[in-house]
C-alpha atoms as a PDB file:
ATOM      1  CA  MET A   1      17.098 -31.727 -49.426  1.00  0.00           C
ATOM      2  CA  LYS A   2      17.709 -32.967 -45.873  1.00  0.00           C
ATOM      3  CA  LEU A   3      20.276 -30.210 -45.317  1.00  0.00           C
ATOM      4  CA  GLY A   4      17.753 -27.588 -46.453  1.00  0.00           C
ATOM      5  CA  ALA A   5      15.084 -28.991 -44.091  1.00  0.00           C
ATOM      6  CA  ALA A   6      17.585 -29.046 -41.229  1.00  0.00           C
ATOM      7  CA  MET A   7      18.526 -25.426 -41.918  1.00  0.00           C
ATOM      8  CA  VAL A   8      14.851 -24.418 -41.918  1.00  0.00           C
ATOM      9  CA  VAL A   9      14.366 -26.183 -38.583  1.00  0.00           C
ATOM     10  CA  VAL A  10      17.405 -24.422 -37.087  1.00  0.00           C
ATOM     11  CA  ILE A  11      16.291 -21.024 -38.393  1.00  0.00           C
ATOM     12  CA  VAL A  12      12.743 -21.537 -37.096  1.00  0.00           C
ATOM     13  CA  LEU A  13      14.070 -22.582 -33.688  1.00  0.00           C
ATOM     14  CA  ALA A  14      16.376 -19.580 -33.538  1.00  0.00           C
ATOM     15  CA  LEU A  15      13.892 -16.952 -34.657  1.00  0.00           C
ATOM     16  CA  THR A  16      10.427 -18.007 -33.548  1.00  0.00           C
ATOM     17  CA  ALA A  17       9.738 -18.618 -29.936  1.00  0.00           C
ATOM     18  CA  GLN A  18       6.665 -16.422 -30.035  1.00  0.00           C
ATOM     19  CA  VAL A  19       5.073 -14.351 -32.753  1.00  0.00           C
ATOM     20  CA  ARG A  20       3.294 -11.155 -31.757  1.00  0.00           C
ATOM     21  CA  ALA A  21       1.837  -8.157 -33.457  1.00  0.00           C
ATOM     22  CA  GLU A  22       3.808  -4.972 -32.670  1.00  0.00           C
ATOM     23  CA  SER A  23       0.777  -3.301 -31.092  1.00  0.00           C
ATOM     24  CA  GLN A  24       0.193  -6.297 -28.856  1.00  0.00           C
ATOM     25  CA  GLU A  25       3.555  -6.083 -27.090  1.00  0.00           C
ATOM     26  CA  ARG A  26       3.464  -7.395 -23.538  1.00  0.00           C
ATOM     27  CA  LYS A  27       3.583  -4.950 -20.651  1.00  0.00           C
ATOM     28  CA  SER A  28       6.191  -5.613 -17.986  1.00  0.00           C
ATOM     29  CA  PRO A  29       4.856  -5.701 -14.414  1.00  0.00           C
ATOM     30  CA  ASN A  30       8.287  -4.561 -13.197  1.00  0.00           C
ATOM     31  CA  VAL A  31       8.264  -1.491 -15.468  1.00  0.00           C
ATOM     32  CA  ALA A  32       4.728  -0.628 -14.361  1.00  0.00           C
ATOM     33  CA  THR A  33       5.729  -0.864 -10.695  1.00  0.00           C
ATOM     34  CA  ALA A  34       8.917   1.162 -11.248  1.00  0.00           C
ATOM     35  CA  LEU A  35       6.956   3.924 -12.997  1.00  0.00           C
ATOM     36  CA  ALA A  36       4.403   4.007 -10.174  1.00  0.00           C
ATOM     37  CA  TYR A  37       7.109   4.315  -7.509  1.00  0.00           C
ATOM     38  CA  ALA A  38       9.025   6.929  -9.523  1.00  0.00           C
ATOM     39  CA  GLY A  39       5.827   8.948  -9.790  1.00  0.00           C
ATOM     40  CA  ALA A  40       5.108   8.491  -6.091  1.00  0.00           C
ATOM     41  CA  PHE A  41       8.555   9.720  -5.015  1.00  0.00           C
ATOM     42  CA  ALA A  42       8.800  12.625  -7.490  1.00  0.00           C
ATOM     43  CA  ALA A  43       6.701  15.029  -5.382  1.00  0.00           C
ATOM     44  CA  PRO A  44       8.565  14.393  -2.096  1.00  0.00           C
ATOM     45  CA  ALA A  45      11.876  14.801  -3.948  1.00  0.00           C
ATOM     46  CA  LEU A  46      10.754  18.191  -5.254  1.00  0.00           C
ATOM     47  CA  SER A  47       9.635  19.111  -1.734  1.00  0.00           C
ATOM     48  CA  LEU A  48      13.174  18.517  -0.516  1.00  0.00           C
ATOM     49  CA  VAL A  49      14.446  20.866  -3.222  1.00  0.00           C
ATOM     50  CA  ASN A  50      11.825  23.417  -2.224  1.00  0.00           C
ATOM     51  CA  PHE A  51      12.917  23.265   1.428  1.00  0.00           C
ATOM     52  CA  THR A  52      16.413  24.349   0.412  1.00  0.00           C
ATOM     53  CA  LEU A  53      15.146  27.668  -0.982  1.00  0.00           C
ATOM     54  CA  GLU A  54      15.590  30.678   1.265  1.00  0.00           C
ATOM     55  CA  MET A  55      12.373  32.361  -0.028  1.00  0.00           C
ATOM     56  CA  GLU A  56      13.871  35.804   0.708  1.00  0.00           C
ATOM     57  CA  THR A  57      13.823  37.302  -2.772  1.00  0.00           C
ATOM     58  CA  PRO A  58      10.812  37.580  -5.083  1.00  0.00           C
ATOM     59  CA  ARG A  59      12.564  35.257  -7.556  1.00  0.00           C
ATOM     60  CA  GLU A  60      13.030  32.532  -4.909  1.00  0.00           C
ATOM     61  CA  ARG A  61       9.409  32.897  -3.812  1.00  0.00           C
ATOM     62  CA  ARG A  62       8.246  32.545  -7.428  1.00  0.00           C
ATOM     63  CA  ILE A  63      10.355  29.417  -7.838  1.00  0.00           C
ATOM     64  CA  GLY A  64       9.079  28.061  -4.521  1.00  0.00           C
ATOM     65  CA  TYR A  65       5.426  28.646  -5.392  1.00  0.00           C
ATOM     66  CA  THR A  66       5.943  27.114  -8.837  1.00  0.00           C
ATOM     67  CA  LEU A  67       7.505  24.042  -7.246  1.00  0.00           C
ATOM     68  CA  ILE A  68       4.546  23.752  -4.868  1.00  0.00           C
ATOM     69  CA  GLY A  69       2.210  23.698  -7.875  1.00  0.00           C
ATOM     70  CA  VAL A  70       4.308  21.094  -9.669  1.00  0.00           C
ATOM     71  CA  GLU A  71       4.522  19.019  -6.482  1.00  0.00           C
ATOM     72  CA  SER A  72       0.745  19.106  -6.125  1.00  0.00           C
ATOM     73  CA  VAL A  73       0.204  17.897  -9.687  1.00  0.00           C
ATOM     74  CA  LEU A  74       2.833  15.162  -9.268  1.00  0.00           C
ATOM     75  CA  MET A  75       1.323  14.123  -5.940  1.00  0.00           C
ATOM     76  CA  VAL A  76      -2.004  13.476  -7.656  1.00  0.00           C
ATOM     77  CA  LEU A  77      -0.890  12.145 -11.034  1.00  0.00           C
ATOM     78  CA  GLY A  78       2.560  10.624 -10.435  1.00  0.00           C
ATOM     79  CA  PRO A  79       1.649   7.298  -8.799  1.00  0.00           C
ATOM     80  CA  SER A  80      -0.705   6.535 -11.710  1.00  0.00           C
ATOM     81  CA  ALA A  81       2.208   6.351 -14.172  1.00  0.00           C
ATOM     82  CA  GLY A  82       2.258   2.549 -13.919  1.00  0.00           C
ATOM     83  CA  HIS A  83      -1.423   2.401 -14.873  1.00  0.00           C
ATOM     84  CA  TRP A  84      -0.878   4.815 -17.776  1.00  0.00           C
ATOM     85  CA  TYR A  85       1.880   2.523 -19.048  1.00  0.00           C
ATOM     86  CA  THR A  86      -0.720  -0.244 -19.282  1.00  0.00           C
ATOM     87  CA  GLY A  87      -3.204   1.984 -21.092  1.00  0.00           C
ATOM     88  CA  ARG A  88      -5.495   2.765 -18.138  1.00  0.00           C
ATOM     89  CA  PHE A  89      -5.797   6.498 -17.637  1.00  0.00           C
ATOM     90  CA  THR A  90      -7.978   6.326 -14.555  1.00  0.00           C
ATOM     91  CA  SER A  91      -7.564   4.205 -11.470  1.00  0.00           C
ATOM     92  CA  PRO A  92      -9.182   3.979  -8.045  1.00  0.00           C
ATOM     93  CA  GLY A  93      -5.995   5.336  -6.471  1.00  0.00           C
ATOM     94  CA  LEU A  94      -6.114   8.417  -8.688  1.00  0.00           C
ATOM     95  CA  GLY A  95      -9.688   9.126  -7.605  1.00  0.00           C
ATOM     96  CA  ILE A  96      -8.852   8.664  -3.936  1.00  0.00           C
ATOM     97  CA  ARG A  97      -5.811  10.951  -4.223  1.00  0.00           C
ATOM     98  CA  ALA A  98      -7.788  13.626  -6.075  1.00  0.00           C
ATOM     99  CA  GLY A  99     -10.428  13.571  -3.335  1.00  0.00           C
ATOM    100  CA  GLY A 100      -7.712  13.654  -0.688  1.00  0.00           C
ATOM    101  CA  VAL A 101      -6.103  16.689  -2.293  1.00  0.00           C
ATOM    102  CA  ALA A 102      -9.460  18.474  -2.436  1.00  0.00           C
ATOM    103  CA  VAL A 103      -9.979  17.819   1.290  1.00  0.00           C
ATOM    104  CA  LEU A 104      -6.374  18.892   1.995  1.00  0.00           C
ATOM    105  CA  ALA A 105      -6.908  22.144   0.094  1.00  0.00           C
ATOM    106  CA  THR A 106     -10.016  22.844   2.167  1.00  0.00           C
ATOM    107  CA  GLY A 107      -8.012  22.139   5.314  1.00  0.00           C
ATOM    108  CA  PHE A 108      -5.266  24.530   4.204  1.00  0.00           C
ATOM    109  CA  VAL A 109      -7.854  27.255   3.611  1.00  0.00           C
ATOM    110  CA  GLY A 110      -9.002  26.736   7.202  1.00  0.00           C
ATOM    111  CA  LEU A 111      -5.394  26.778   8.392  1.00  0.00           C
ATOM    112  CA  VAL A 112      -4.664  30.057   6.609  1.00  0.00           C
ATOM    113  CA  HIS A 113      -7.859  31.489   8.058  1.00  0.00           C
ATOM    114  CA  CYS A 114      -6.899  30.465  11.586  1.00  0.00           C
ATOM    115  CA  VAL A 115      -3.382  31.901  11.413  1.00  0.00           C
ATOM    116  CA  SER A 116      -4.355  35.254   9.925  1.00  0.00           C
ATOM    117  CA  PRO A 117      -3.721  38.132  12.343  1.00  0.00           C
ATOM    118  CA  ASP A 118      -7.317  39.398  12.520  1.00  0.00           C
ATOM    119  CA  VAL A 119      -8.807  35.990  13.425  1.00  0.00           C
ATOM    120  CA  ASP A 120      -8.174  34.246  16.699  1.00  0.00           C
ATOM    121  CA  CYS A 121      -8.769  30.506  16.361  1.00  0.00           C
ATOM    122  CA  GLY A 122      -8.276  29.083  19.799  1.00  0.00           C
ATOM    123  CA  ARG A 123      -7.031  25.588  20.309  1.00  0.00           C
ATOM    124  CA  ARG A 124     -10.446  24.329  21.386  1.00  0.00           C
ATOM    125  CA  ASP A 125     -12.873  25.859  18.951  1.00  0.00           C
ATOM    126  CA  TRP A 126     -14.662  24.048  16.140  1.00  0.00           C
ATOM    127  CA  GLU A 127     -12.644  25.775  13.390  1.00  0.00           C
ATOM    128  CA  SER A 128      -9.403  24.357  14.761  1.00  0.00           C
ATOM    129  CA  TYR A 129     -10.870  20.864  15.095  1.00  0.00           C
ATOM    130  CA  ALA A 130     -12.361  21.031  11.595  1.00  0.00           C
ATOM    131  CA  THR A 131      -9.050  22.203  10.119  1.00  0.00           C
ATOM    132  CA  VAL A 132      -7.052  19.448  11.796  1.00  0.00           C
ATOM    133  CA  GLY A 133      -9.672  16.876  10.778  1.00  0.00           C
ATOM    134  CA  LEU A 134      -9.659  17.995   7.139  1.00  0.00           C
ATOM    135  CA  LEU A 135      -5.865  17.976   6.987  1.00  0.00           C
ATOM    136  CA  THR A 136      -5.751  14.486   8.520  1.00  0.00           C
ATOM    137  CA  ILE A 137      -8.443  13.031   6.258  1.00  0.00           C
ATOM    138  CA  GLY A 138      -6.894  14.603   3.150  1.00  0.00           C
ATOM    139  CA  THR A 139      -3.415  13.325   3.961  1.00  0.00           C
ATOM    140  CA  THR A 140      -4.799   9.849   4.651  1.00  0.00           C
ATOM    141  CA  GLY A 141      -6.579   9.859   1.286  1.00  0.00           C
ATOM    142  CA  VAL A 142      -3.417  10.857  -0.570  1.00  0.00           C
ATOM    143  CA  ILE A 143      -1.369   8.159   1.179  1.00  0.00           C
ATOM    144  CA  LEU A 144      -3.986   5.421   0.630  1.00  0.00           C
ATOM    145  CA  GLY A 145      -4.455   6.363  -3.030  1.00  0.00           C
ATOM    146  CA  THR A 146      -0.695   6.287  -3.566  1.00  0.00           C
ATOM    147  CA  LEU A 147      -0.360   2.887  -1.877  1.00  0.00           C
ATOM    148  CA  LEU A 148      -3.232   1.522  -3.940  1.00  0.00           C
ATOM    149  CA  ASP A 149      -1.723   2.622  -7.257  1.00  0.00           C
ATOM    150  CA  THR A 150       1.831   1.525  -6.470  1.00  0.00           C
ATOM    151  CA  THR A 151       0.759  -1.916  -5.282  1.00  0.00           C
ATOM    152  CA  ASP A 152      -1.718  -2.404  -8.141  1.00  0.00           C
ATOM    153  CA  ALA A 153       0.601  -1.360 -10.995  1.00  0.00           C
ATOM    154  CA  SER A 154       2.044  -4.842 -11.569  1.00  0.00           C
ATOM    155  CA  ARG A 155      -1.456  -6.365 -11.513  1.00  0.00           C
ATOM    156  CA  ALA A 156      -2.547  -3.784 -14.095  1.00  0.00           C
ATOM    157  CA  ALA A 157       0.275  -4.913 -16.393  1.00  0.00           C
ATOM    158  CA  ARG A 158      -0.631  -8.588 -15.936  1.00  0.00           C
ATOM    159  CA  ARG A 159      -4.299  -7.725 -16.537  1.00  0.00           C
ATOM    160  CA  TRP A 160      -3.378  -5.931 -19.775  1.00  0.00           C
ATOM    161  CA  ASN A 161      -1.319  -8.916 -20.908  1.00  0.00           C
ATOM    162  CA  ARG A 162      -4.231 -11.263 -20.172  1.00  0.00           C
ATOM    163  CA  GLU A 163      -6.754  -9.075 -21.994  1.00  0.00           C
ATOM    164  CA  HIS A 164      -4.519  -8.497 -25.009  1.00  0.00           C
ATOM    165  CA  GLY A 165      -2.910 -11.930 -24.966  1.00  0.00           C
ATOM    166  CA  VAL A 166      -2.585 -12.772 -28.627  1.00  0.00           C
ATOM    167  CA  GLU A 167       0.118 -15.403 -28.596  1.00  0.00           C
ATOM    168  CA  ALA A 168       1.155 -17.866 -31.213  1.00  0.00           C
ATOM    169  CA  VAL A 169       3.953 -20.352 -30.830  1.00  0.00           C
ATOM    170  CA  ILE A 170       5.503 -21.919 -33.881  1.00  0.00           C
ATOM    171  CA  ALA A 171       7.450 -25.098 -33.275  1.00  0.00           C
ATOM    172  CA  PRO A 172       9.222 -27.337 -35.731  1.00  0.00           C
ATOM    173  CA  THR A 173       8.023 -30.920 -35.773  1.00  0.00           C
ATOM    174  CA  VAL A 174       9.761 -33.965 -37.126  1.00  0.00           C
ATOM    175  CA  THR A 175       7.941 -37.217 -37.737  1.00  0.00           C
ATOM    176  CA  PRO A 176       9.135 -40.445 -39.384  1.00  0.00           C
ATOM    177  CA  SER A 177       7.365 -39.407 -42.566  1.00  0.00           C
ATOM    178  CA  GLY A 178       8.717 -35.827 -42.758  1.00  0.00           C
ATOM    179  CA  ALA A 179       9.188 -32.457 -41.121  1.00  0.00           C
ATOM    180  CA  GLY A 180       6.916 -29.482 -40.667  1.00  0.00           C
ATOM    181  CA  LEU A 181       5.770 -26.690 -38.406  1.00  0.00           C
ATOM    182  CA  ALA A 182       3.165 -26.819 -35.656  1.00  0.00           C
ATOM    183  CA  VAL A 183       1.273 -23.694 -34.659  1.00  0.00           C
ATOM    184  CA  ALA A 184      -0.365 -23.351 -31.255  1.00  0.00           C
ATOM    185  CA  GLY A 185      -1.778 -20.238 -29.733  1.00  0.00           C
ATOM    186  CA  ARG A 186      -4.149 -18.314 -27.597  1.00  0.00           C
ATOM    187  CA  PHE A 187      -6.261 -15.816 -29.499  1.00  0.00           C
END
């Protein structure tokens, strides 16, 4: 009988540090941060690939324009990958980046307008100042939104763990009158 109780205690010690439901698995702050940084650096990495294209043939131009589209989507969505890992599909950084991209797009429209051959935007007219201002504000928004999401990804994982923290610890107990199991938890 004592050998059986000792074996139960050893098995319980070996197998049960914490009991969790499968759907309540903890989220790793390190994984969340790694996903956010991977998403943040995906667009610049594709830009480097795009810079290597000659853009002389129609095929290369098609590939280049496709990469620009993919880069734009990754620039907006990529840094939020750490938040998506924790189950949050929106984040303040995503909103800031989306607004920054909208302002950037408006600035690029102004830039294309100013460099077209039939329009002469001088260096000191309001269109030039507005274009430079829009490009600056848009770029700042994208950078700030990216920094916000990459630095907040680990906190999002810890927040998820706190909110979904169903933990139960089972520990063997031995008293002079017998042996048993103690259950403690946070529900």
